[in-house]
Amino acid sequence: MSTMSATVRRTGGDLDVYTGLLLAAFLVLLAGVVSLGMDNATQVEGMSSDNALFGVPGFEVIQD
């Protein structure tokens, strides 16, 4: 009798809440990564090769 009333998982194109939340979180994460990448690229373009490693311990700029 319990097999007659057992719940069966549906397979279909329905978007449940958890899949929607996972998709939204992925899109927010992707937007953050793209934003940080664009900011980083902008900052690197503004640097000259002389001061690219300025402030990093162990890397001093040697100018001739």
PDB file of N, CA and C in Angstrom:
ATOM      1  N   MET A   1       0.810  -1.180   0.000  1.00  0.00           N
ATOM      2  CA  MET A   1       0.000   0.000   0.000  1.00  0.00           C
ATOM      3  C   MET A   1       0.865   1.261   0.000  1.00  0.00           C
ATOM      4  N   SER A   2       2.036   1.192   0.648  1.00  0.00           N
ATOM      5  CA  SER A   2       2.889   2.376   0.703  1.00  0.00           C
ATOM      6  C   SER A   2       3.486   2.707  -0.658  1.00  0.00           C
ATOM      7  N   THR A   3       3.594   1.710  -1.526  1.00  0.00           N
ATOM      8  CA  THR A   3       4.130   2.003  -2.849  1.00  0.00           C
ATOM      9  C   THR A   3       3.145   2.778  -3.700  1.00  0.00           C
ATOM     10  N   MET A   4       1.893   2.681  -3.397  1.00  0.00           N
ATOM     11  CA  MET A   4       0.882   3.400  -4.157  1.00  0.00           C
ATOM     12  C   MET A   4       0.877   4.885  -3.802  1.00  0.00           C
ATOM     13  N   SER A   5       1.226   5.234  -2.580  1.00  0.00           N
ATOM     14  CA  SER A   5       1.186   6.627  -2.163  1.00  0.00           C
ATOM     15  C   SER A   5       2.574   7.272  -2.100  1.00  0.00           C
ATOM     16  N   ALA A   6       3.588   6.575  -2.596  1.00  0.00           N
ATOM     17  CA  ALA A   6       4.943   7.113  -2.572  1.00  0.00           C
ATOM     18  C   ALA A   6       5.049   8.283  -3.545  1.00  0.00           C
ATOM     19  N   THR A   7       5.795   9.301  -3.116  1.00  0.00           N
ATOM     20  CA  THR A   7       5.970  10.460  -3.993  1.00  0.00           C
ATOM     21  C   THR A   7       6.980  10.126  -5.080  1.00  0.00           C
ATOM     22  N   VAL A   8       6.704  10.591  -6.244  1.00  0.00           N
ATOM     23  CA  VAL A   8       7.566  10.347  -7.389  1.00  0.00           C
ATOM     24  C   VAL A   8       8.125  11.685  -7.828  1.00  0.00           C
ATOM     25  N   ARG A   9       9.408  11.716  -8.057  1.00  0.00           N
ATOM     26  CA  ARG A   9      10.050  12.956  -8.484  1.00  0.00           C
ATOM     27  C   ARG A   9       9.714  13.209  -9.939  1.00  0.00           C
ATOM     28  N   ARG A  10       9.284  14.442 -10.200  1.00  0.00           N
ATOM     29  CA  ARG A  10       8.944  14.795 -11.575  1.00  0.00           C
ATOM     30  C   ARG A  10      10.207  15.168 -12.331  1.00  0.00           C
ATOM     31  N   THR A  11      10.243  14.800 -13.563  1.00  0.00           N
ATOM     32  CA  THR A  11      11.316  15.256 -14.430  1.00  0.00           C
ATOM     33  C   THR A  11      10.675  16.146 -15.483  1.00  0.00           C
ATOM     34  N   GLY A  12      11.208  17.340 -15.574  1.00  0.00           N
ATOM     35  CA  GLY A  12      10.619  18.251 -16.547  1.00  0.00           C
ATOM     36  C   GLY A  12      11.398  19.545 -16.575  1.00  0.00           C
ATOM     37  N   GLY A  13      10.867  20.507 -17.261  1.00  0.00           N
ATOM     38  CA  GLY A  13      11.538  21.775 -17.423  1.00  0.00           C
ATOM     39  C   GLY A  13      11.213  22.786 -16.349  1.00  0.00           C
ATOM     40  N   ASP A  14      10.528  22.356 -15.292  1.00  0.00           N
ATOM     41  CA  ASP A  14      10.172  23.299 -14.223  1.00  0.00           C
ATOM     42  C   ASP A  14      11.405  23.748 -13.466  1.00  0.00           C
ATOM     43  N   LEU A  15      11.469  25.043 -13.172  1.00  0.00           N
ATOM     44  CA  LEU A  15      12.585  25.613 -12.432  1.00  0.00           C
ATOM     45  C   LEU A  15      12.164  25.725 -10.977  1.00  0.00           C
ATOM     46  N   ASP A  16      12.798  24.942 -10.096  1.00  0.00           N
ATOM     47  CA  ASP A  16      12.440  25.032  -8.691  1.00  0.00           C
ATOM     48  C   ASP A  16      13.208  26.172  -8.015  1.00  0.00           C
ATOM     49  N   VAL A  17      12.886  26.424  -6.774  1.00  0.00           N
ATOM     50  CA  VAL A  17      13.445  27.561  -6.040  1.00  0.00           C
ATOM     51  C   VAL A  17      14.948  27.437  -5.886  1.00  0.00           C
ATOM     52  N   TYR A  18      15.424  26.260  -5.554  1.00  0.00           N
ATOM     53  CA  TYR A  18      16.846  26.085  -5.289  1.00  0.00           C
ATOM     54  C   TYR A  18      17.680  26.219  -6.561  1.00  0.00           C
ATOM     55  N   THR A  19      17.172  25.759  -7.669  1.00  0.00           N
ATOM     56  CA  THR A  19      17.884  25.934  -8.929  1.00  0.00           C
ATOM     57  C   THR A  19      17.921  27.404  -9.314  1.00  0.00           C
ATOM     58  N   GLY A  20      16.840  28.119  -9.065  1.00  0.00           N
ATOM     59  CA  GLY A  20      16.811  29.559  -9.334  1.00  0.00           C
ATOM     60  C   GLY A  20      17.783  30.318  -8.460  1.00  0.00           C
ATOM     61  N   LEU A  21      17.851  29.946  -7.183  1.00  0.00           N
ATOM     62  CA  LEU A  21      18.806  30.592  -6.280  1.00  0.00           C
ATOM     63  C   LEU A  21      20.244  30.286  -6.688  1.00  0.00           C
ATOM     64  N   LEU A  22      20.502  29.068  -7.114  1.00  0.00           N
ATOM     65  CA  LEU A  22      21.837  28.698  -7.567  1.00  0.00           C
ATOM     66  C   LEU A  22      22.216  29.487  -8.815  1.00  0.00           C
ATOM     67  N   LEU A  23      21.286  29.643  -9.727  1.00  0.00           N
ATOM     68  CA  LEU A  23      21.543  30.418 -10.937  1.00  0.00           C
ATOM     69  C   LEU A  23      21.789  31.891 -10.605  1.00  0.00           C
ATOM     70  N   ALA A  24      20.999  32.450  -9.692  1.00  0.00           N
ATOM     71  CA  ALA A  24      21.180  33.853  -9.292  1.00  0.00           C
ATOM     72  C   ALA A  24      22.541  34.048  -8.612  1.00  0.00           C
ATOM     73  N   ALA A  25      22.939  33.126  -7.746  1.00  0.00           N
ATOM     74  CA  ALA A  25      24.229  33.230  -7.070  1.00  0.00           C
ATOM     75  C   ALA A  25      25.373  33.133  -8.072  1.00  0.00           C
ATOM     76  N   PHE A  26      25.232  32.256  -9.052  1.00  0.00           N
ATOM     77  CA  PHE A  26      26.260  32.123 -10.085  1.00  0.00           C
ATOM     78  C   PHE A  26      26.388  33.409 -10.898  1.00  0.00           C
ATOM     79  N   LEU A  27      25.270  34.018 -11.237  1.00  0.00           N
ATOM     80  CA  LEU A  27      25.315  35.254 -12.007  1.00  0.00           C
ATOM     81  C   LEU A  27      25.936  36.396 -11.214  1.00  0.00           C
ATOM     82  N   VAL A  28      25.635  36.485  -9.918  1.00  0.00           N
ATOM     83  CA  VAL A  28      26.241  37.516  -9.073  1.00  0.00           C
ATOM     84  C   VAL A  28      27.744  37.285  -8.952  1.00  0.00           C
ATOM     85  N   LEU A  29      28.151  36.031  -8.769  1.00  0.00           N
ATOM     86  CA  LEU A  29      29.568  35.707  -8.683  1.00  0.00           C
ATOM     87  C   LEU A  29      30.284  36.028  -9.996  1.00  0.00           C
ATOM     88  N   LEU A  30      29.669  35.700 -11.106  1.00  0.00           N
ATOM     89  CA  LEU A  30      30.259  35.984 -12.408  1.00  0.00           C
ATOM     90  C   LEU A  30      30.391  37.493 -12.631  1.00  0.00           C
ATOM     91  N   ALA A  31      29.372  38.247 -12.235  1.00  0.00           N
ATOM     92  CA  ALA A  31      29.439  39.706 -12.376  1.00  0.00           C
ATOM     93  C   ALA A  31      30.558  40.282 -11.515  1.00  0.00           C
ATOM     94  N   GLY A  32      30.762  39.752 -10.315  1.00  0.00           N
ATOM     95  CA  GLY A  32      31.834  40.214  -9.444  1.00  0.00           C
ATOM     96  C   GLY A  32      33.207  39.907 -10.011  1.00  0.00           C
ATOM     97  N   VAL A  33      33.373  38.725 -10.562  1.00  0.00           N
ATOM     98  CA  VAL A  33      34.665  38.347 -11.147  1.00  0.00           C
ATOM     99  C   VAL A  33      34.974  39.220 -12.354  1.00  0.00           C
ATOM    100  N   VAL A  34      33.975  39.462 -13.194  1.00  0.00           N
ATOM    101  CA  VAL A  34      34.191  40.311 -14.369  1.00  0.00           C
ATOM    102  C   VAL A  34      34.508  41.736 -13.939  1.00  0.00           C
ATOM    103  N   SER A  35      33.802  42.234 -12.922  1.00  0.00           N
ATOM    104  CA  SER A  35      34.052  43.585 -12.435  1.00  0.00           C
ATOM    105  C   SER A  35      35.466  43.730 -11.871  1.00  0.00           C
ATOM    106  N   LEU A  36      35.897  42.773 -11.073  1.00  0.00           N
ATOM    107  CA  LEU A  36      37.251  42.824 -10.523  1.00  0.00           C
ATOM    108  C   LEU A  36      38.296  42.705 -11.624  1.00  0.00           C
ATOM    109  N   GLY A  37      38.034  41.868 -12.602  1.00  0.00           N
ATOM    110  CA  GLY A  37      38.967  41.727 -13.712  1.00  0.00           C
ATOM    111  C   GLY A  37      39.109  43.004 -14.516  1.00  0.00           C
ATOM    112  N   MET A  38      37.996  43.693 -14.743  1.00  0.00           N
ATOM    113  CA  MET A  38      38.053  44.951 -15.489  1.00  0.00           C
ATOM    114  C   MET A  38      38.773  46.033 -14.686  1.00  0.00           C
ATOM    115  N   ASP A  39      38.521  46.092 -13.372  1.00  0.00           N
ATOM    116  CA  ASP A  39      39.233  47.052 -12.523  1.00  0.00           C
ATOM    117  C   ASP A  39      40.732  46.765 -12.511  1.00  0.00           C
ATOM    118  N   ASN A  40      41.087  45.506 -12.423  1.00  0.00           N
ATOM    119  CA  ASN A  40      42.496  45.126 -12.414  1.00  0.00           C
ATOM    120  C   ASN A  40      43.162  45.492 -13.735  1.00  0.00           C
ATOM    121  N   ALA A  41      42.484  45.244 -14.841  1.00  0.00           N
ATOM    122  CA  ALA A  41      43.050  45.578 -16.144  1.00  0.00           C
ATOM    123  C   ALA A  41      43.240  47.085 -16.281  1.00  0.00           C
ATOM    124  N   THR A  42      42.310  47.857 -15.750  1.00  0.00           N
ATOM    125  CA  THR A  42      42.425  49.312 -15.806  1.00  0.00           C
ATOM    126  C   THR A  42      43.618  49.796 -14.992  1.00  0.00           C
ATOM    127  N   GLN A  43      43.828  49.216 -13.820  1.00  0.00           N
ATOM    128  CA  GLN A  43      44.951  49.625 -12.982  1.00  0.00           C
ATOM    129  C   GLN A  43      46.279  49.217 -13.590  1.00  0.00           C
ATOM    130  N   VAL A  44      46.333  48.051 -14.213  1.00  0.00           N
ATOM    131  CA  VAL A  44      47.576  47.586 -14.821  1.00  0.00           C
ATOM    132  C   VAL A  44      47.931  48.456 -16.019  1.00  0.00           C
ATOM    133  N   GLU A  45      46.946  48.911 -16.790  1.00  0.00           N
ATOM    134  CA  GLU A  45      47.219  49.790 -17.923  1.00  0.00           C
ATOM    135  C   GLU A  45      47.833  51.105 -17.469  1.00  0.00           C
ATOM    136  N   GLY A  46      47.446  51.578 -16.271  1.00  0.00           N
ATOM    137  CA  GLY A  46      47.961  52.840 -15.759  1.00  0.00           C
ATOM    138  C   GLY A  46      49.360  52.741 -15.198  1.00  0.00           C
ATOM    139  N   MET A  47      49.843  51.540 -14.931  1.00  0.00           N
ATOM    140  CA  MET A  47      51.180  51.366 -14.358  1.00  0.00           C
ATOM    141  C   MET A  47      52.229  51.369 -15.455  1.00  0.00           C
ATOM    142  N   SER A  48      53.360  51.909 -15.136  1.00  0.00           N
ATOM    143  CA  SER A  48      54.482  51.770 -16.059  1.00  0.00           C
ATOM    144  C   SER A  48      55.280  50.541 -15.641  1.00  0.00           C
ATOM    145  N   SER A  49      56.165  50.112 -16.497  1.00  0.00           N
ATOM    146  CA  SER A  49      56.949  48.917 -16.177  1.00  0.00           C
ATOM    147  C   SER A  49      57.912  49.172 -15.030  1.00  0.00           C
ATOM    148  N   ASP A  50      58.215  50.458 -14.753  1.00  0.00           N
ATOM    149  CA  ASP A  50      59.150  50.762 -13.675  1.00  0.00           C
ATOM    150  C   ASP A  50      58.534  50.528 -12.304  1.00  0.00           C
ATOM    151  N   ASN A  51      57.257  50.785 -12.153  1.00  0.00           N
ATOM    152  CA  ASN A  51      56.676  50.679 -10.821  1.00  0.00           C
ATOM    153  C   ASN A  51      55.656  49.554 -10.709  1.00  0.00           C
ATOM    154  N   ALA A  52      55.702  48.562 -11.598  1.00  0.00           N
ATOM    155  CA  ALA A  52      54.725  47.481 -11.573  1.00  0.00           C
ATOM    156  C   ALA A  52      54.823  46.665 -10.285  1.00  0.00           C
ATOM    157  N   LEU A  53      56.029  46.481  -9.761  1.00  0.00           N
ATOM    158  CA  LEU A  53      56.211  45.695  -8.545  1.00  0.00           C
ATOM    159  C   LEU A  53      56.608  46.568  -7.359  1.00  0.00           C
ATOM    160  N   PHE A  54      56.325  47.856  -7.467  1.00  0.00           N
ATOM    161  CA  PHE A  54      56.685  48.766  -6.375  1.00  0.00           C
ATOM    162  C   PHE A  54      55.898  48.412  -5.127  1.00  0.00           C
ATOM    163  N   GLY A  55      56.590  48.271  -4.027  1.00  0.00           N
ATOM    164  CA  GLY A  55      55.938  47.953  -2.764  1.00  0.00           C
ATOM    165  C   GLY A  55      55.877  46.485  -2.456  1.00  0.00           C
ATOM    166  N   VAL A  56      56.225  45.626  -3.401  1.00  0.00           N
ATOM    167  CA  VAL A  56      56.231  44.195  -3.130  1.00  0.00           C
ATOM    168  C   VAL A  56      57.579  43.851  -2.522  1.00  0.00           C
ATOM    169  N   PRO A  57      57.583  43.216  -1.341  1.00  0.00           N
ATOM    170  CA  PRO A  57      58.872  42.911  -0.700  1.00  0.00           C
ATOM    171  C   PRO A  57      59.744  42.020  -1.571  1.00  0.00           C
ATOM    172  N   GLY A  58      61.005  42.366  -1.697  1.00  0.00           N
ATOM    173  CA  GLY A  58      61.954  41.584  -2.460  1.00  0.00           C
ATOM    174  C   GLY A  58      62.117  42.053  -3.901  1.00  0.00           C
ATOM    175  N   PHE A  59      61.286  42.977  -4.328  1.00  0.00           N
ATOM    176  CA  PHE A  59      61.370  43.470  -5.693  1.00  0.00           C
ATOM    177  C   PHE A  59      61.615  44.971  -5.653  1.00  0.00           C
ATOM    178  N   GLU A  60      62.821  45.363  -5.934  1.00  0.00           N
ATOM    179  CA  GLU A  60      63.138  46.761  -6.037  1.00  0.00           C
ATOM    180  C   GLU A  60      63.415  47.106  -7.490  1.00  0.00           C
ATOM    181  N   VAL A  61      63.061  48.297  -7.858  1.00  0.00           N
ATOM    182  CA  VAL A  61      63.291  48.733  -9.223  1.00  0.00           C
ATOM    183  C   VAL A  61      64.727  49.248  -9.332  1.00  0.00           C
ATOM    184  N   ILE A  62      65.464  48.686 -10.257  1.00  0.00           N
ATOM    185  CA  ILE A  62      66.837  49.124 -10.490  1.00  0.00           C
ATOM    186  C   ILE A  62      66.852  49.958 -11.732  1.00  0.00           C
ATOM    187  N   GLN A  63      67.181  51.215 -11.587  1.00  0.00           N
ATOM    188  CA  GLN A  63      67.200  52.112 -12.727  1.00  0.00           C
ATOM    189  C   GLN A  63      68.644  52.427 -13.092  1.00  0.00           C
ATOM    190  N   ASP A  64      68.949  52.397 -14.357  1.00  0.00           N
ATOM    191  CA  ASP A  64      70.306  52.684 -14.830  1.00  0.00           C
ATOM    192  C   ASP A  64      70.487  54.151 -15.094  1.00  0.00           C
TER     193      ASP A  64
END
